[in-house]
Amino acid sequence: MSDVAIISVLEEKIDGLISYIERLEEEKKDLFNQINEKNAKISDLEGKIEALENERAEVGKRVEHILEKLGRISDGQGSEAQGDNLQGTTVDSSEGDFQFTDSD
């Protein structure tokens, strides 16, 4: 094999390696973009989880407070007027807030 042929083969191999490296760099860039997107989604979901946990804690406190009020009423510690006002009352929490309506 002549020197020119050897150099030609080397050039082809080098060109192949350069193409391979360029593909790897593109793939690396794509993977970094995917990682950044996933990290942004994780941060968003963590924020939503925190908000839901806070909301659940608040709902728990409100329900506990309502149960305490109802307990006082059923124990006779509330006034008769308050007791009369709560009779026939229903609670709707489907919209996120507690809604008291008269079911009479």
PDB file of N, CA and C in Angstrom:
ATOM      1  N   MET A   1       0.846  -1.175   0.000  1.00  0.00           N
ATOM      2  CA  MET A   1       0.000   0.000   0.000  1.00  0.00           C
ATOM      3  C   MET A   1       0.894   1.242   0.000  1.00  0.00           C
ATOM      4  N   SER A   2       0.558   2.191  -0.851  1.00  0.00           N
ATOM      5  CA  SER A   2       1.373   3.398  -0.961  1.00  0.00           C
ATOM      6  C   SER A   2       1.040   4.376   0.171  1.00  0.00           C
ATOM      7  N   ASP A   3       1.911   5.336   0.316  1.00  0.00           N
ATOM      8  CA  ASP A   3       1.707   6.355   1.358  1.00  0.00           C
ATOM      9  C   ASP A   3       0.422   7.134   1.110  1.00  0.00           C
ATOM     10  N   VAL A   4       0.103   7.401  -0.112  1.00  0.00           N
ATOM     11  CA  VAL A   4      -1.108   8.150  -0.456  1.00  0.00           C
ATOM     12  C   VAL A   4      -2.348   7.334  -0.083  1.00  0.00           C
ATOM     13  N   ALA A   5      -2.315   6.047  -0.321  1.00  0.00           N
ATOM     14  CA  ALA A   5      -3.447   5.177   0.009  1.00  0.00           C
ATOM     15  C   ALA A   5      -3.615   5.095   1.517  1.00  0.00           C
ATOM     16  N   ILE A   6      -2.499   5.008   2.232  1.00  0.00           N
ATOM     17  CA  ILE A   6      -2.558   4.945   3.704  1.00  0.00           C
ATOM     18  C   ILE A   6      -3.139   6.243   4.263  1.00  0.00           C
ATOM     19  N   ILE A   7      -2.702   7.350   3.720  1.00  0.00           N
ATOM     20  CA  ILE A   7      -3.212   8.651   4.159  1.00  0.00           C
ATOM     21  C   ILE A   7      -4.694   8.760   3.829  1.00  0.00           C
ATOM     22  N   SER A   8      -5.095   8.255   2.722  1.00  0.00           N
ATOM     23  CA  SER A   8      -6.503   8.281   2.313  1.00  0.00           C
ATOM     24  C   SER A   8      -7.365   7.475   3.292  1.00  0.00           C
ATOM     25  N   VAL A   9      -6.877   6.290   3.670  1.00  0.00           N
ATOM     26  CA  VAL A   9      -7.604   5.443   4.632  1.00  0.00           C
ATOM     27  C   VAL A   9      -7.675   6.157   5.981  1.00  0.00           C
ATOM     28  N   LEU A  10      -6.566   6.763   6.398  1.00  0.00           N
ATOM     29  CA  LEU A  10      -6.545   7.498   7.664  1.00  0.00           C
ATOM     30  C   LEU A  10      -7.533   8.671   7.636  1.00  0.00           C
ATOM     31  N   GLU A  11      -7.594   9.376   6.512  1.00  0.00           N
ATOM     32  CA  GLU A  11      -8.536  10.498   6.382  1.00  0.00           C
ATOM     33  C   GLU A  11      -9.977  10.012   6.523  1.00  0.00           C
ATOM     34  N   GLU A  12     -10.298   8.877   5.912  1.00  0.00           N
ATOM     35  CA  GLU A  12     -11.654   8.325   6.016  1.00  0.00           C
ATOM     36  C   GLU A  12     -11.984   7.957   7.458  1.00  0.00           C
ATOM     37  N   LYS A  13     -11.017   7.329   8.133  1.00  0.00           N
ATOM     38  CA  LYS A  13     -11.238   6.936   9.522  1.00  0.00           C
ATOM     39  C   LYS A  13     -11.391   8.171  10.409  1.00  0.00           C
ATOM     40  N   ILE A  14     -10.583   9.179  10.169  1.00  0.00           N
ATOM     41  CA  ILE A  14     -10.678  10.418  10.948  1.00  0.00           C
ATOM     42  C   ILE A  14     -12.024  11.101  10.686  1.00  0.00           C
ATOM     43  N   ASP A  15     -12.434  11.149   9.417  1.00  0.00           N
ATOM     44  CA  ASP A  15     -13.739  11.735   9.083  1.00  0.00           C
ATOM     45  C   ASP A  15     -14.871  10.958   9.770  1.00  0.00           C
ATOM     46  N   GLY A  16     -14.766   9.638   9.802  1.00  0.00           N
ATOM     47  CA  GLY A  16     -15.766   8.813  10.477  1.00  0.00           C
ATOM     48  C   GLY A  16     -15.805   9.103  11.974  1.00  0.00           C
ATOM     49  N   LEU A  17     -14.617   9.249  12.579  1.00  0.00           N
ATOM     50  CA  LEU A  17     -14.556   9.569  14.008  1.00  0.00           C
ATOM     51  C   LEU A  17     -15.131  10.951  14.297  1.00  0.00           C
ATOM     52  N   ILE A  18     -14.839  11.908  13.428  1.00  0.00           N
ATOM     53  CA  ILE A  18     -15.379  13.260  13.603  1.00  0.00           C
ATOM     54  C   ILE A  18     -16.912  13.228  13.531  1.00  0.00           C
ATOM     55  N   SER A  19     -17.448  12.503  12.572  1.00  0.00           N
ATOM     56  CA  SER A  19     -18.914  12.374  12.458  1.00  0.00           C
ATOM     57  C   SER A  19     -19.494  11.713  13.700  1.00  0.00           C
ATOM     58  N   TYR A  20     -18.821  10.700  14.192  1.00  0.00           N
ATOM     59  CA  TYR A  20     -19.280   9.987  15.388  1.00  0.00           C
ATOM     60  C   TYR A  20     -19.281  10.928  16.602  1.00  0.00           C
ATOM     61  N   ILE A  21     -18.212  11.713  16.742  1.00  0.00           N
ATOM     62  CA  ILE A  21     -18.118  12.661  17.854  1.00  0.00           C
ATOM     63  C   ILE A  21     -19.207  13.729  17.740  1.00  0.00           C
ATOM     64  N   GLU A  22     -19.469  14.203  16.535  1.00  0.00           N
ATOM     65  CA  GLU A  22     -20.523  15.208  16.333  1.00  0.00           C
ATOM     66  C   GLU A  22     -21.891  14.646  16.724  1.00  0.00           C
ATOM     67  N   ARG A  23     -22.160  13.385  16.358  1.00  0.00           N
ATOM     68  CA  ARG A  23     -23.430  12.741  16.741  1.00  0.00           C
ATOM     69  C   ARG A  23     -23.524  12.606  18.256  1.00  0.00           C
ATOM     70  N   LEU A  24     -22.413  12.220  18.882  1.00  0.00           N
ATOM     71  CA  LEU A  24     -22.397  12.096  20.344  1.00  0.00           C
ATOM     72  C   LEU A  24     -22.643  13.444  21.025  1.00  0.00           C
ATOM     73  N   GLU A  25     -22.047  14.501  20.477  1.00  0.00           N
ATOM     74  CA  GLU A  25     -22.261  15.835  21.044  1.00  0.00           C
ATOM     75  C   GLU A  25     -23.715  16.262  20.909  1.00  0.00           C
ATOM     76  N   GLU A  26     -24.341  15.976  19.775  1.00  0.00           N
ATOM     77  CA  GLU A  26     -25.765  16.281  19.583  1.00  0.00           C
ATOM     78  C   GLU A  26     -26.625  15.487  20.562  1.00  0.00           C
ATOM     79  N   GLU A  27     -26.302  14.209  20.707  1.00  0.00           N
ATOM     80  CA  GLU A  27     -27.045  13.364  21.632  1.00  0.00           C
ATOM     81  C   GLU A  27     -26.887  13.872  23.073  1.00  0.00           C
ATOM     82  N   LYS A  28     -25.681  14.280  23.408  1.00  0.00           N
ATOM     83  CA  LYS A  28     -25.416  14.829  24.745  1.00  0.00           C
ATOM     84  C   LYS A  28     -26.249  16.091  24.972  1.00  0.00           C
ATOM     85  N   LYS A  29     -26.289  16.968  23.971  1.00  0.00           N
ATOM     86  CA  LYS A  29     -27.070  18.199  24.070  1.00  0.00           C
ATOM     87  C   LYS A  29     -28.560  17.879  24.243  1.00  0.00           C
ATOM     88  N   ASP A  30     -29.061  16.920  23.474  1.00  0.00           N
ATOM     89  CA  ASP A  30     -30.460  16.508  23.594  1.00  0.00           C
ATOM     90  C   ASP A  30     -30.754  15.937  24.979  1.00  0.00           C
ATOM     91  N   LEU A  31     -29.836  15.132  25.496  1.00  0.00           N
ATOM     92  CA  LEU A  31     -30.025  14.553  26.823  1.00  0.00           C
ATOM     93  C   LEU A  31     -30.017  15.631  27.907  1.00  0.00           C
ATOM     94  N   PHE A  32     -29.141  16.628  27.777  1.00  0.00           N
ATOM     95  CA  PHE A  32     -29.135  17.726  28.739  1.00  0.00           C
ATOM     96  C   PHE A  32     -30.452  18.501  28.688  1.00  0.00           C
ATOM     97  N   ASN A  33     -30.971  18.721  27.478  1.00  0.00           N
ATOM     98  CA  ASN A  33     -32.261  19.405  27.348  1.00  0.00           C
ATOM     99  C   ASN A  33     -33.370  18.595  28.015  1.00  0.00           C
ATOM    100  N   GLN A  34     -33.358  17.286  27.813  1.00  0.00           N
ATOM    101  CA  GLN A  34     -34.366  16.432  28.446  1.00  0.00           C
ATOM    102  C   GLN A  34     -34.238  16.482  29.968  1.00  0.00           C
ATOM    103  N   ILE A  35     -33.022  16.463  30.457  1.00  0.00           N
ATOM    104  CA  ILE A  35     -32.792  16.538  31.907  1.00  0.00           C
ATOM    105  C   ILE A  35     -33.320  17.865  32.458  1.00  0.00           C
ATOM    106  N   ASN A  36     -33.035  18.962  31.751  1.00  0.00           N
ATOM    107  CA  ASN A  36     -33.517  20.273  32.197  1.00  0.00           C
ATOM    108  C   ASN A  36     -35.044  20.325  32.207  1.00  0.00           C
ATOM    109  N   GLU A  37     -35.678  19.751  31.186  1.00  0.00           N
ATOM    110  CA  GLU A  37     -37.142  19.706  31.149  1.00  0.00           C
ATOM    111  C   GLU A  37     -37.686  18.884  32.309  1.00  0.00           C
ATOM    112  N   LYS A  38     -37.070  17.743  32.571  1.00  0.00           N
ATOM    113  CA  LYS A  38     -37.515  16.880  33.675  1.00  0.00           C
ATOM    114  C   LYS A  38     -37.321  17.586  35.019  1.00  0.00           C
ATOM    115  N   ASN A  39     -36.193  18.283  35.178  1.00  0.00           N
ATOM    116  CA  ASN A  39     -35.950  19.017  36.417  1.00  0.00           C
ATOM    117  C   ASN A  39     -36.985  20.118  36.623  1.00  0.00           C
ATOM    118  N   ALA A  40     -37.351  20.805  35.537  1.00  0.00           N
ATOM    119  CA  ALA A  40     -38.379  21.845  35.639  1.00  0.00           C
ATOM    120  C   ALA A  40     -39.718  21.223  36.033  1.00  0.00           C
ATOM    121  N   LYS A  41     -40.030  20.081  35.446  1.00  0.00           N
ATOM    122  CA  LYS A  41     -41.285  19.402  35.780  1.00  0.00           C
ATOM    123  C   LYS A  41     -41.266  18.928  37.239  1.00  0.00           C
ATOM    124  N   ILE A  42     -40.137  18.425  37.694  1.00  0.00           N
ATOM    125  CA  ILE A  42     -40.001  17.988  39.085  1.00  0.00           C
ATOM    126  C   ILE A  42     -40.240  19.174  40.026  1.00  0.00           C
ATOM    127  N   SER A  43     -39.630  20.308  39.725  1.00  0.00           N
ATOM    128  CA  SER A  43     -39.808  21.499  40.564  1.00  0.00           C
ATOM    129  C   SER A  43     -41.273  21.918  40.599  1.00  0.00           C
ATOM    130  N   ASP A  44     -41.913  21.882  39.444  1.00  0.00           N
ATOM    131  CA  ASP A  44     -43.329  22.236  39.363  1.00  0.00           C
ATOM    132  C   ASP A  44     -44.171  21.281  40.206  1.00  0.00           C
ATOM    133  N   LEU A  45     -43.906  19.990  40.080  1.00  0.00           N
ATOM    134  CA  LEU A  45     -44.666  18.996  40.839  1.00  0.00           C
ATOM    135  C   LEU A  45     -44.394  19.105  42.332  1.00  0.00           C
ATOM    136  N   GLU A  46     -43.155  19.405  42.706  1.00  0.00           N
ATOM    137  CA  GLU A  46     -42.844  19.602  44.126  1.00  0.00           C
ATOM    138  C   GLU A  46     -43.626  20.777  44.692  1.00  0.00           C
ATOM    139  N   GLY A  47     -43.742  21.848  43.901  1.00  0.00           N
ATOM    140  CA  GLY A  47     -44.537  23.005  44.328  1.00  0.00           C
ATOM    141  C   GLY A  47     -45.999  22.638  44.493  1.00  0.00           C
ATOM    142  N   LYS A  48     -46.523  21.847  43.552  1.00  0.00           N
ATOM    143  CA  LYS A  48     -47.919  21.422  43.645  1.00  0.00           C
ATOM    144  C   LYS A  48     -48.140  20.524  44.858  1.00  0.00           C
ATOM    145  N   ILE A  49     -47.188  19.629  45.119  1.00  0.00           N
ATOM    146  CA  ILE A  49     -47.293  18.747  46.286  1.00  0.00           C
ATOM    147  C   ILE A  49     -47.314  19.578  47.564  1.00  0.00           C
ATOM    148  N   GLU A  50     -46.421  20.554  47.648  1.00  0.00           N
ATOM    149  CA  GLU A  50     -46.373  21.399  48.839  1.00  0.00           C
ATOM    150  C   GLU A  50     -47.691  22.151  49.022  1.00  0.00           C
ATOM    151  N   ALA A  51     -48.223  22.682  47.931  1.00  0.00           N
ATOM    152  CA  ALA A  51     -49.500  23.402  48.012  1.00  0.00           C
ATOM    153  C   ALA A  51     -50.619  22.469  48.464  1.00  0.00           C
ATOM    154  N   LEU A  52     -50.646  21.263  47.928  1.00  0.00           N
ATOM    155  CA  LEU A  52     -51.689  20.311  48.318  1.00  0.00           C
ATOM    156  C   LEU A  52     -51.535  19.879  49.781  1.00  0.00           C
ATOM    157  N   GLU A  53     -50.295  19.694  50.227  1.00  0.00           N
ATOM    158  CA  GLU A  53     -50.072  19.338  51.627  1.00  0.00           C
ATOM    159  C   GLU A  53     -50.535  20.456  52.553  1.00  0.00           C
ATOM    160  N   ASN A  54     -50.233  21.711  52.172  1.00  0.00           N
ATOM    161  CA  ASN A  54     -50.681  22.853  52.965  1.00  0.00           C
ATOM    162  C   ASN A  54     -52.203  22.936  52.987  1.00  0.00           C
ATOM    163  N   GLU A  55     -52.796  22.717  51.826  1.00  0.00           N
ATOM    164  CA  GLU A  55     -54.257  22.758  51.733  1.00  0.00           C
ATOM    165  C   GLU A  55     -54.874  21.651  52.587  1.00  0.00           C
ATOM    166  N   ARG A  56     -54.305  20.460  52.534  1.00  0.00           N
ATOM    167  CA  ARG A  56     -54.821  19.342  53.321  1.00  0.00           C
ATOM    168  C   ARG A  56     -54.717  19.646  54.816  1.00  0.00           C
ATOM    169  N   ALA A  57     -53.606  20.244  55.227  1.00  0.00           N
ATOM    170  CA  ALA A  57     -53.443  20.607  56.639  1.00  0.00           C
ATOM    171  C   ALA A  57     -54.482  21.636  57.049  1.00  0.00           C
ATOM    172  N   GLU A  58     -54.720  22.617  56.193  1.00  0.00           N
ATOM    173  CA  GLU A  58     -55.727  23.650  56.482  1.00  0.00           C
ATOM    174  C   GLU A  58     -57.117  23.034  56.565  1.00  0.00           C
ATOM    175  N   VAL A  59     -57.445  22.153  55.642  1.00  0.00           N
ATOM    176  CA  VAL A  59     -58.755  21.484  55.676  1.00  0.00           C
ATOM    177  C   VAL A  59     -58.884  20.664  56.951  1.00  0.00           C
ATOM    178  N   GLY A  60     -57.819  19.974  57.330  1.00  0.00           N
ATOM    179  CA  GLY A  60     -57.846  19.199  58.570  1.00  0.00           C
ATOM    180  C   GLY A  60     -58.127  20.072  59.776  1.00  0.00           C
ATOM    181  N   LYS A  61     -57.463  21.244  59.835  1.00  0.00           N
ATOM    182  CA  LYS A  61     -57.702  22.169  60.944  1.00  0.00           C
ATOM    183  C   LYS A  61     -59.145  22.660  60.950  1.00  0.00           C
ATOM    184  N   ARG A  62     -59.650  22.986  59.759  1.00  0.00           N
ATOM    185  CA  ARG A  62     -61.025  23.501  59.676  1.00  0.00           C
ATOM    186  C   ARG A  62     -62.031  22.432  60.065  1.00  0.00           C
ATOM    187  N   VAL A  63     -61.811  21.203  59.621  1.00  0.00           N
ATOM    188  CA  VAL A  63     -62.713  20.108  59.979  1.00  0.00           C
ATOM    189  C   VAL A  63     -62.651  19.861  61.484  1.00  0.00           C
ATOM    190  N   GLU A  64     -61.454  19.887  62.048  1.00  0.00           N
ATOM    191  CA  GLU A  64     -61.305  19.702  63.497  1.00  0.00           C
ATOM    192  C   GLU A  64     -62.061  20.800  64.249  1.00  0.00           C
ATOM    193  N   HIS A  65     -61.942  22.027  63.763  1.00  0.00           N
ATOM    194  CA  HIS A  65     -62.638  23.151  64.388  1.00  0.00           C
ATOM    195  C   HIS A  65     -64.157  22.957  64.308  1.00  0.00           C
ATOM    196  N   ILE A  66     -64.631  22.531  63.160  1.00  0.00           N
ATOM    197  CA  ILE A  66     -66.071  22.290  62.983  1.00  0.00           C
ATOM    198  C   ILE A  66     -66.530  21.170  63.907  1.00  0.00           C
ATOM    199  N   LEU A  67     -65.745  20.114  64.002  1.00  0.00           N
ATOM    200  CA  LEU A  67     -66.110  18.995  64.881  1.00  0.00           C
ATOM    201  C   LEU A  67     -66.148  19.429  66.346  1.00  0.00           C
ATOM    202  N   GLU A  68     -65.203  20.298  66.718  1.00  0.00           N
ATOM    203  CA  GLU A  68     -65.223  20.819  68.082  1.00  0.00           C
ATOM    204  C   GLU A  68     -66.503  21.609  68.343  1.00  0.00           C
ATOM    205  N   LYS A  69     -66.886  22.445  67.377  1.00  0.00           N
ATOM    206  CA  LYS A  69     -68.125  23.216  67.515  1.00  0.00           C
ATOM    207  C   LYS A  69     -69.325  22.287  67.636  1.00  0.00           C
ATOM    208  N   LEU A  70     -69.373  21.280  66.772  1.00  0.00           N
ATOM    209  CA  LEU A  70     -70.483  20.341  66.816  1.00  0.00           C
ATOM    210  C   LEU A  70     -70.490  19.566  68.132  1.00  0.00           C
ATOM    211  N   GLY A  71     -69.299  19.245  68.639  1.00  0.00           N
ATOM    212  CA  GLY A  71     -69.199  18.551  69.915  1.00  0.00           C
ATOM    213  C   GLY A  71     -69.724  19.404  71.056  1.00  0.00           C
ATOM    214  N   ARG A  72     -69.405  20.689  71.024  1.00  0.00           N
ATOM    215  CA  ARG A  72     -69.912  21.592  72.066  1.00  0.00           C
ATOM    216  C   ARG A  72     -71.428  21.689  71.993  1.00  0.00           C
ATOM    217  N   ILE A  73     -71.957  21.746  70.790  1.00  0.00           N
ATOM    218  CA  ILE A  73     -73.405  21.845  70.618  1.00  0.00           C
ATOM    219  C   ILE A  73     -74.083  20.576  71.120  1.00  0.00           C
ATOM    220  N   SER A  74     -73.540  19.423  70.747  1.00  0.00           N
ATOM    221  CA  SER A  74     -74.178  18.168  71.147  1.00  0.00           C
ATOM    222  C   SER A  74     -74.023  17.914  72.642  1.00  0.00           C
ATOM    223  N   ASP A  75     -73.010  18.510  73.270  1.00  0.00           N
ATOM    224  CA  ASP A  75     -72.824  18.373  74.715  1.00  0.00           C
ATOM    225  C   ASP A  75     -73.674  19.377  75.485  1.00  0.00           C
ATOM    226  N   GLY A  76     -74.416  20.225  74.775  1.00  0.00           N
ATOM    227  CA  GLY A  76     -75.271  21.210  75.425  1.00  0.00           C
ATOM    228  C   GLY A  76     -74.533  22.460  75.829  1.00  0.00           C
ATOM    229  N   GLN A  77     -73.298  22.644  75.343  1.00  0.00           N
ATOM    230  CA  GLN A  77     -72.530  23.828  75.711  1.00  0.00           C
ATOM    231  C   GLN A  77     -72.846  25.009  74.808  1.00  0.00           C
ATOM    232  N   GLY A  78     -73.447  24.769  73.666  1.00  0.00           N
ATOM    233  CA  GLY A  78     -73.824  25.853  72.775  1.00  0.00           C
ATOM    234  C   GLY A  78     -75.184  26.364  73.174  1.00  0.00           C
ATOM    235  N   SER A  79     -75.539  27.523  72.714  1.00  0.00           N
ATOM    236  CA  SER A  79     -76.861  28.056  73.045  1.00  0.00           C
ATOM    237  C   SER A  79     -77.909  27.315  72.240  1.00  0.00           C
ATOM    238  N   GLU A  80     -79.131  27.360  72.710  1.00  0.00           N
ATOM    239  CA  GLU A  80     -80.228  26.706  71.991  1.00  0.00           C
ATOM    240  C   GLU A  80     -80.402  27.324  70.612  1.00  0.00           C
ATOM    241  N   ALA A  81     -80.178  28.627  70.517  1.00  0.00           N
ATOM    242  CA  ALA A  81     -80.338  29.295  69.228  1.00  0.00           C
ATOM    243  C   ALA A  81     -79.324  28.752  68.227  1.00  0.00           C
ATOM    244  N   GLN A  82     -78.088  28.533  68.676  1.00  0.00           N
ATOM    245  CA  GLN A  82     -77.078  27.984  67.774  1.00  0.00           C
ATOM    246  C   GLN A  82     -77.456  26.572  67.378  1.00  0.00           C
ATOM    247  N   GLY A  83     -77.926  25.800  68.304  1.00  0.00           N
ATOM    248  CA  GLY A  83     -78.328  24.438  68.004  1.00  0.00           C
ATOM    249  C   GLY A  83     -79.460  24.402  67.010  1.00  0.00           C
ATOM    250  N   ASP A  84     -80.442  25.293  67.171  1.00  0.00           N
ATOM    251  CA  ASP A  84     -81.561  25.352  66.230  1.00  0.00           C
ATOM    252  C   ASP A  84     -81.077  25.755  64.852  1.00  0.00           C
ATOM    253  N   ASN A  85     -80.100  26.645  64.796  1.00  0.00           N
ATOM    254  CA  ASN A  85     -79.597  27.096  63.503  1.00  0.00           C
ATOM    255  C   ASN A  85     -78.879  25.983  62.757  1.00  0.00           C
ATOM    256  N   LEU A  86     -78.274  25.021  63.464  1.00  0.00           N
ATOM    257  CA  LEU A  86     -77.532  23.964  62.803  1.00  0.00           C
ATOM    258  C   LEU A  86     -78.397  22.765  62.440  1.00  0.00           C
ATOM    259  N   GLN A  87     -79.564  22.648  63.026  1.00  0.00           N
ATOM    260  CA  GLN A  87     -80.417  21.511  62.700  1.00  0.00           C
ATOM    261  C   GLN A  87     -80.869  21.634  61.256  1.00  0.00           C
ATOM    262  N   GLY A  88     -80.777  20.521  60.537  1.00  0.00           N
ATOM    263  CA  GLY A  88     -81.176  20.517  59.131  1.00  0.00           C
ATOM    264  C   GLY A  88     -80.159  21.160  58.214  1.00  0.00           C
ATOM    265  N   THR A  89     -78.929  21.356  58.685  1.00  0.00           N
ATOM    266  CA  THR A  89     -77.876  21.974  57.875  1.00  0.00           C
ATOM    267  C   THR A  89     -77.023  20.881  57.253  1.00  0.00           C
ATOM    268  N   THR A  90     -76.705  21.044  55.975  1.00  0.00           N
ATOM    269  CA  THR A  90     -75.816  20.097  55.302  1.00  0.00           C
ATOM    270  C   THR A  90     -74.532  20.818  54.930  1.00  0.00           C
ATOM    271  N   VAL A  91     -73.457  20.049  54.775  1.00  0.00           N
ATOM    272  CA  VAL A  91     -72.147  20.603  54.453  1.00  0.00           C
ATOM    273  C   VAL A  91     -71.736  20.084  53.090  1.00  0.00           C
ATOM    274  N   ASP A  92     -71.336  20.999  52.200  1.00  0.00           N
ATOM    275  CA  ASP A  92     -70.856  20.637  50.864  1.00  0.00           C
ATOM    276  C   ASP A  92     -69.428  21.137  50.738  1.00  0.00           C
ATOM    277  N   SER A  93     -68.479  20.206  50.594  1.00  0.00           N
ATOM    278  CA  SER A  93     -67.074  20.606  50.443  1.00  0.00           C
ATOM    279  C   SER A  93     -66.544  20.262  49.063  1.00  0.00           C
ATOM    280  N   SER A  94     -67.421  20.053  48.096  1.00  0.00           N
ATOM    281  CA  SER A  94     -66.984  19.623  46.766  1.00  0.00           C
ATOM    282  C   SER A  94     -66.209  20.704  46.023  1.00  0.00           C
ATOM    283  N   GLU A  95     -66.399  21.962  46.355  1.00  0.00           N
ATOM    284  CA  GLU A  95     -65.722  23.050  45.652  1.00  0.00           C
ATOM    285  C   GLU A  95     -64.433  23.464  46.358  1.00  0.00           C
ATOM    286  N   GLY A  96     -64.018  22.738  47.388  1.00  0.00           N
ATOM    287  CA  GLY A  96     -62.807  23.080  48.105  1.00  0.00           C
ATOM    288  C   GLY A  96     -63.071  23.872  49.380  1.00  0.00           C
ATOM    289  N   ASP A  97     -64.161  24.647  49.419  1.00  0.00           N
ATOM    290  CA  ASP A  97     -64.564  25.362  50.632  1.00  0.00           C
ATOM    291  C   ASP A  97     -65.792  24.696  51.190  1.00  0.00           C
ATOM    292  N   PHE A  98     -65.951  24.792  52.480  1.00  0.00           N
ATOM    293  CA  PHE A  98     -67.133  24.209  53.105  1.00  0.00           C
ATOM    294  C   PHE A  98     -68.302  25.158  52.911  1.00  0.00           C
ATOM    295  N   GLN A  99     -69.404  24.661  52.399  1.00  0.00           N
ATOM    296  CA  GLN A  99     -70.601  25.433  52.179  1.00  0.00           C
ATOM    297  C   GLN A  99     -71.705  24.853  53.059  1.00  0.00           C
ATOM    298  N   PHE A 100     -72.266  25.662  53.916  1.00  0.00           N
ATOM    299  CA  PHE A 100     -73.357  25.208  54.769  1.00  0.00           C
ATOM    300  C   PHE A 100     -74.668  25.671  54.154  1.00  0.00           C
ATOM    301  N   THR A 101     -75.556  24.720  53.951  1.00  0.00           N
ATOM    302  CA  THR A 101     -76.866  25.068  53.390  1.00  0.00           C
ATOM    303  C   THR A 101     -77.951  24.461  54.221  1.00  0.00           C
ATOM    304  N   ASP A 102     -79.090  25.117  54.247  1.00  0.00           N
ATOM    305  CA  ASP A 102     -80.238  24.636  54.985  1.00  0.00           C
ATOM    306  C   ASP A 102     -80.912  23.564  54.167  1.00  0.00           C
ATOM    307  N   SER A 103     -81.063  22.358  54.726  1.00  0.00           N
ATOM    308  CA  SER A 103     -81.654  21.271  53.963  1.00  0.00           C
ATOM    309  C   SER A 103     -83.161  21.179  54.180  1.00  0.00           C
ATOM    310  N   ASP A 104     -83.729  22.110  54.933  1.00  0.00           N
ATOM    311  CA  ASP A 104     -85.196  22.130  55.149  1.00  0.00           C
ATOM    312  C   ASP A 104     -85.916  22.662  53.940  1.00  0.00           C
TER     313      ASP A 104
END
